[in-house]
Amino acid sequence: SRWLSVHLRDMMSLPANVRDDFKKGWVIQKDPKRFSAIPIDQCHEQENAKVKGKGGAIGLTENPETSRKWIVVGP
């Protein structure tokens, strides 16, 4: 919290075009709730965990046919 004022000053001093870029695409809104957006890299990690967590990606390299199907229809 000590650095919040410095962060705000830095954000306010950014050029207008950079500020507009920050508003566009640095986060992903996965839920319609306000203030629930998460960074893009965190979203990628969550999606990877979904695939790997429930046995989705287990054994794909062992069977070439299964691997081919995964490449075609996987997320």
N, C-alpha and C. Protein backbone atom coordinates (compact mmCIF):
# COMPACT_ATOMS: atom_id res chain seq x y z
N SER A 1 0.82 -1.20 0.00
CA SER A 1 0.00 0.00 0.00
C SER A 1 0.86 1.26 0.00
N ARG A 2 2.12 1.14 0.41
CA ARG A 2 2.99 2.32 0.41
C ARG A 2 3.26 2.83 -1.00
N TRP A 3 3.27 1.93 -1.97
CA TRP A 3 3.62 2.30 -3.33
C TRP A 3 2.40 2.62 -4.19
N LEU A 4 1.22 2.61 -3.63
CA LEU A 4 0.02 2.89 -4.41
C LEU A 4 0.05 4.30 -5.01
N SER A 5 0.46 5.28 -4.23
CA SER A 5 0.51 6.65 -4.75
C SER A 5 1.52 6.77 -5.90
N VAL A 6 2.64 6.06 -5.80
CA VAL A 6 3.63 6.08 -6.88
C VAL A 6 3.07 5.42 -8.12
N HIS A 7 2.40 4.29 -7.94
CA HIS A 7 1.79 3.57 -9.06
C HIS A 7 0.75 4.45 -9.75
N LEU A 8 -0.11 5.08 -8.98
CA LEU A 8 -1.13 5.95 -9.56
C LEU A 8 -0.49 7.11 -10.34
N ARG A 9 0.54 7.71 -9.77
CA ARG A 9 1.23 8.80 -10.47
C ARG A 9 1.82 8.29 -11.79
N ASP A 10 2.44 7.12 -11.75
CA ASP A 10 3.03 6.56 -12.97
C ASP A 10 1.96 6.29 -14.03
N MET A 11 0.84 5.74 -13.60
CA MET A 11 -0.24 5.45 -14.55
C MET A 11 -0.83 6.73 -15.14
N MET A 12 -0.96 7.76 -14.32
CA MET A 12 -1.52 9.02 -14.80
C MET A 12 -0.55 9.75 -15.74
N SER A 13 0.74 9.46 -15.63
CA SER A 13 1.71 10.16 -16.48
C SER A 13 1.99 9.41 -17.78
N LEU A 14 1.34 8.28 -18.01
CA LEU A 14 1.53 7.55 -19.26
C LEU A 14 0.96 8.35 -20.43
N PRO A 15 1.56 8.21 -21.61
CA PRO A 15 0.97 8.84 -22.79
C PRO A 15 -0.43 8.28 -23.08
N ALA A 16 -1.26 9.06 -23.74
CA ALA A 16 -2.65 8.66 -23.98
C ALA A 16 -2.77 7.36 -24.75
N ASN A 17 -1.91 7.14 -25.76
CA ASN A 17 -2.01 5.91 -26.55
C ASN A 17 -1.67 4.67 -25.71
N VAL A 18 -0.72 4.79 -24.79
CA VAL A 18 -0.38 3.66 -23.92
C VAL A 18 -1.51 3.41 -22.93
N ARG A 19 -2.09 4.48 -22.41
CA ARG A 19 -3.23 4.34 -21.49
C ARG A 19 -4.39 3.63 -22.17
N ASP A 20 -4.65 3.94 -23.44
CA ASP A 20 -5.72 3.28 -24.18
C ASP A 20 -5.42 1.80 -24.37
N ASP A 21 -4.15 1.45 -24.59
CA ASP A 21 -3.78 0.04 -24.71
C ASP A 21 -4.05 -0.72 -23.42
N PHE A 22 -3.79 -0.09 -22.29
CA PHE A 22 -4.05 -0.74 -21.01
C PHE A 22 -5.54 -1.00 -20.83
N LYS A 23 -6.38 -0.14 -21.35
CA LYS A 23 -7.83 -0.30 -21.20
C LYS A 23 -8.36 -1.41 -22.10
N LYS A 24 -7.66 -1.74 -23.17
CA LYS A 24 -8.17 -2.67 -24.16
C LYS A 24 -8.01 -4.14 -23.80
N GLY A 25 -6.78 -4.60 -23.62
CA GLY A 25 -6.63 -6.04 -23.61
C GLY A 25 -5.62 -6.64 -22.67
N TRP A 26 -5.50 -6.17 -21.49
CA TRP A 26 -4.54 -6.74 -20.57
C TRP A 26 -5.18 -7.75 -19.62
N VAL A 27 -6.50 -7.82 -19.61
CA VAL A 27 -7.20 -8.74 -18.74
C VAL A 27 -8.32 -9.43 -19.51
N ILE A 28 -8.82 -10.52 -18.93
CA ILE A 28 -9.92 -11.27 -19.52
C ILE A 28 -11.05 -11.33 -18.51
N GLN A 29 -12.24 -11.07 -18.97
CA GLN A 29 -13.43 -11.10 -18.12
C GLN A 29 -14.08 -12.47 -18.29
N LYS A 30 -13.88 -13.37 -17.33
CA LYS A 30 -14.46 -14.71 -17.41
C LYS A 30 -15.83 -14.78 -16.75
N ASP A 31 -16.17 -13.77 -16.00
CA ASP A 31 -17.40 -13.75 -15.23
C ASP A 31 -18.04 -12.37 -15.42
N PRO A 32 -19.37 -12.28 -15.49
CA PRO A 32 -19.99 -10.96 -15.68
C PRO A 32 -19.92 -10.05 -14.47
N LYS A 33 -19.44 -10.55 -13.33
CA LYS A 33 -19.35 -9.72 -12.13
C LYS A 33 -18.34 -8.60 -12.32
N ARG A 34 -18.65 -7.46 -11.76
CA ARG A 34 -17.78 -6.31 -11.86
C ARG A 34 -16.47 -6.56 -11.10
N PHE A 35 -15.37 -6.11 -11.62
CA PHE A 35 -14.04 -6.23 -11.02
C PHE A 35 -13.58 -7.69 -10.89
N SER A 36 -14.03 -8.56 -11.76
CA SER A 36 -13.60 -9.95 -11.66
C SER A 36 -12.66 -10.34 -12.80
N ALA A 37 -12.14 -9.37 -13.54
CA ALA A 37 -11.22 -9.67 -14.64
C ALA A 37 -9.88 -10.16 -14.08
N ILE A 38 -9.24 -11.05 -14.85
CA ILE A 38 -7.95 -11.58 -14.42
C ILE A 38 -6.94 -11.38 -15.55
N PRO A 39 -5.65 -11.35 -15.22
CA PRO A 39 -4.62 -11.18 -16.26
C PRO A 39 -4.65 -12.34 -17.26
N ILE A 40 -4.22 -12.05 -18.47
CA ILE A 40 -4.25 -13.05 -19.54
C ILE A 40 -3.44 -14.29 -19.18
N ASP A 41 -2.25 -14.12 -18.60
CA ASP A 41 -1.42 -15.29 -18.28
C ASP A 41 -2.07 -16.16 -17.21
N GLN A 42 -2.77 -15.55 -16.26
CA GLN A 42 -3.47 -16.33 -15.23
C GLN A 42 -4.61 -17.12 -15.86
N CYS A 43 -5.29 -16.53 -16.83
CA CYS A 43 -6.37 -17.24 -17.53
C CYS A 43 -5.82 -18.45 -18.28
N HIS A 44 -4.67 -18.27 -18.94
CA HIS A 44 -4.05 -19.40 -19.64
C HIS A 44 -3.70 -20.52 -18.66
N GLU A 45 -3.17 -20.17 -17.51
CA GLU A 45 -2.83 -21.19 -16.51
C GLU A 45 -4.07 -21.93 -16.03
N GLN A 46 -5.18 -21.22 -15.84
CA GLN A 46 -6.41 -21.86 -15.40
C GLN A 46 -6.94 -22.82 -16.46
N GLU A 47 -6.85 -22.42 -17.72
CA GLU A 47 -7.32 -23.30 -18.80
C GLU A 47 -6.42 -24.53 -18.93
N ASN A 48 -5.11 -24.34 -18.76
CA ASN A 48 -4.19 -25.49 -18.78
C ASN A 48 -4.51 -26.45 -17.64
N ALA A 49 -4.82 -25.91 -16.47
CA ALA A 49 -5.16 -26.75 -15.32
C ALA A 49 -6.43 -27.55 -15.58
N LYS A 50 -7.40 -26.96 -16.27
CA LYS A 50 -8.63 -27.69 -16.60
C LYS A 50 -8.32 -28.89 -17.47
N VAL A 51 -7.47 -28.69 -18.46
CA VAL A 51 -7.13 -29.78 -19.39
C VAL A 51 -6.36 -30.87 -18.68
N LYS A 52 -5.39 -30.51 -17.88
CA LYS A 52 -4.52 -31.48 -17.24
C LYS A 52 -5.12 -32.09 -15.98
N GLY A 53 -5.98 -31.36 -15.29
CA GLY A 53 -6.45 -31.77 -13.98
C GLY A 53 -7.36 -32.97 -13.96
N LYS A 54 -8.19 -33.16 -14.95
CA LYS A 54 -9.17 -34.24 -14.92
C LYS A 54 -8.80 -35.37 -15.87
N GLY A 55 -7.52 -35.54 -16.11
CA GLY A 55 -7.08 -36.63 -16.98
C GLY A 55 -7.22 -36.32 -18.45
N GLY A 56 -7.48 -35.08 -18.80
CA GLY A 56 -7.68 -34.71 -20.19
C GLY A 56 -6.44 -34.86 -21.05
N ALA A 57 -5.29 -34.53 -20.51
CA ALA A 57 -4.07 -34.58 -21.30
C ALA A 57 -3.20 -35.78 -20.96
N ILE A 58 -3.67 -36.64 -20.07
CA ILE A 58 -2.88 -37.80 -19.66
C ILE A 58 -2.93 -38.86 -20.76
N GLY A 59 -1.80 -39.37 -21.13
CA GLY A 59 -1.73 -40.46 -22.09
C GLY A 59 -1.87 -40.06 -23.54
N LEU A 60 -1.88 -38.80 -23.85
CA LEU A 60 -2.01 -38.38 -25.24
C LEU A 60 -0.80 -38.77 -26.08
N THR A 61 0.35 -38.73 -25.47
CA THR A 61 1.57 -39.04 -26.24
C THR A 61 1.77 -40.53 -26.45
N GLU A 62 1.05 -41.34 -25.72
CA GLU A 62 1.23 -42.79 -25.84
C GLU A 62 0.50 -43.37 -27.04
N ASN A 63 -0.57 -42.76 -27.46
CA ASN A 63 -1.38 -43.28 -28.55
C ASN A 63 -1.44 -42.24 -29.67
N PRO A 64 -0.87 -42.52 -30.84
CA PRO A 64 -0.85 -41.53 -31.93
C PRO A 64 -2.25 -41.13 -32.40
N GLU A 65 -3.19 -42.06 -32.43
CA GLU A 65 -4.56 -41.75 -32.87
C GLU A 65 -5.23 -40.77 -31.91
N THR A 66 -5.09 -41.01 -30.62
CA THR A 66 -5.65 -40.11 -29.62
C THR A 66 -5.00 -38.74 -29.70
N SER A 67 -3.71 -38.73 -29.90
CA SER A 67 -2.99 -37.47 -30.03
C SER A 67 -3.49 -36.67 -31.23
N ARG A 68 -3.71 -37.33 -32.34
CA ARG A 68 -4.23 -36.67 -33.55
C ARG A 68 -5.61 -36.09 -33.32
N LYS A 69 -6.47 -36.83 -32.64
CA LYS A 69 -7.81 -36.33 -32.34
C LYS A 69 -7.74 -35.11 -31.44
N TRP A 70 -6.85 -35.14 -30.46
CA TRP A 70 -6.71 -34.01 -29.54
C TRP A 70 -6.26 -32.75 -30.28
N ILE A 71 -5.34 -32.91 -31.22
CA ILE A 71 -4.85 -31.76 -31.98
C ILE A 71 -5.98 -31.16 -32.81
N VAL A 72 -6.85 -31.99 -33.35
CA VAL A 72 -7.93 -31.51 -34.21
C VAL A 72 -9.05 -30.85 -33.42
N VAL A 73 -9.48 -31.47 -32.33
CA VAL A 73 -10.67 -30.98 -31.64
C VAL A 73 -10.39 -30.38 -30.26
N GLY A 74 -9.13 -30.38 -29.82
CA GLY A 74 -8.81 -29.85 -28.50
C GLY A 74 -8.98 -28.35 -28.40
N PRO A 75 -8.97 -27.81 -27.19
CA PRO A 75 -9.16 -26.37 -27.02
C PRO A 75 -7.98 -25.57 -27.57
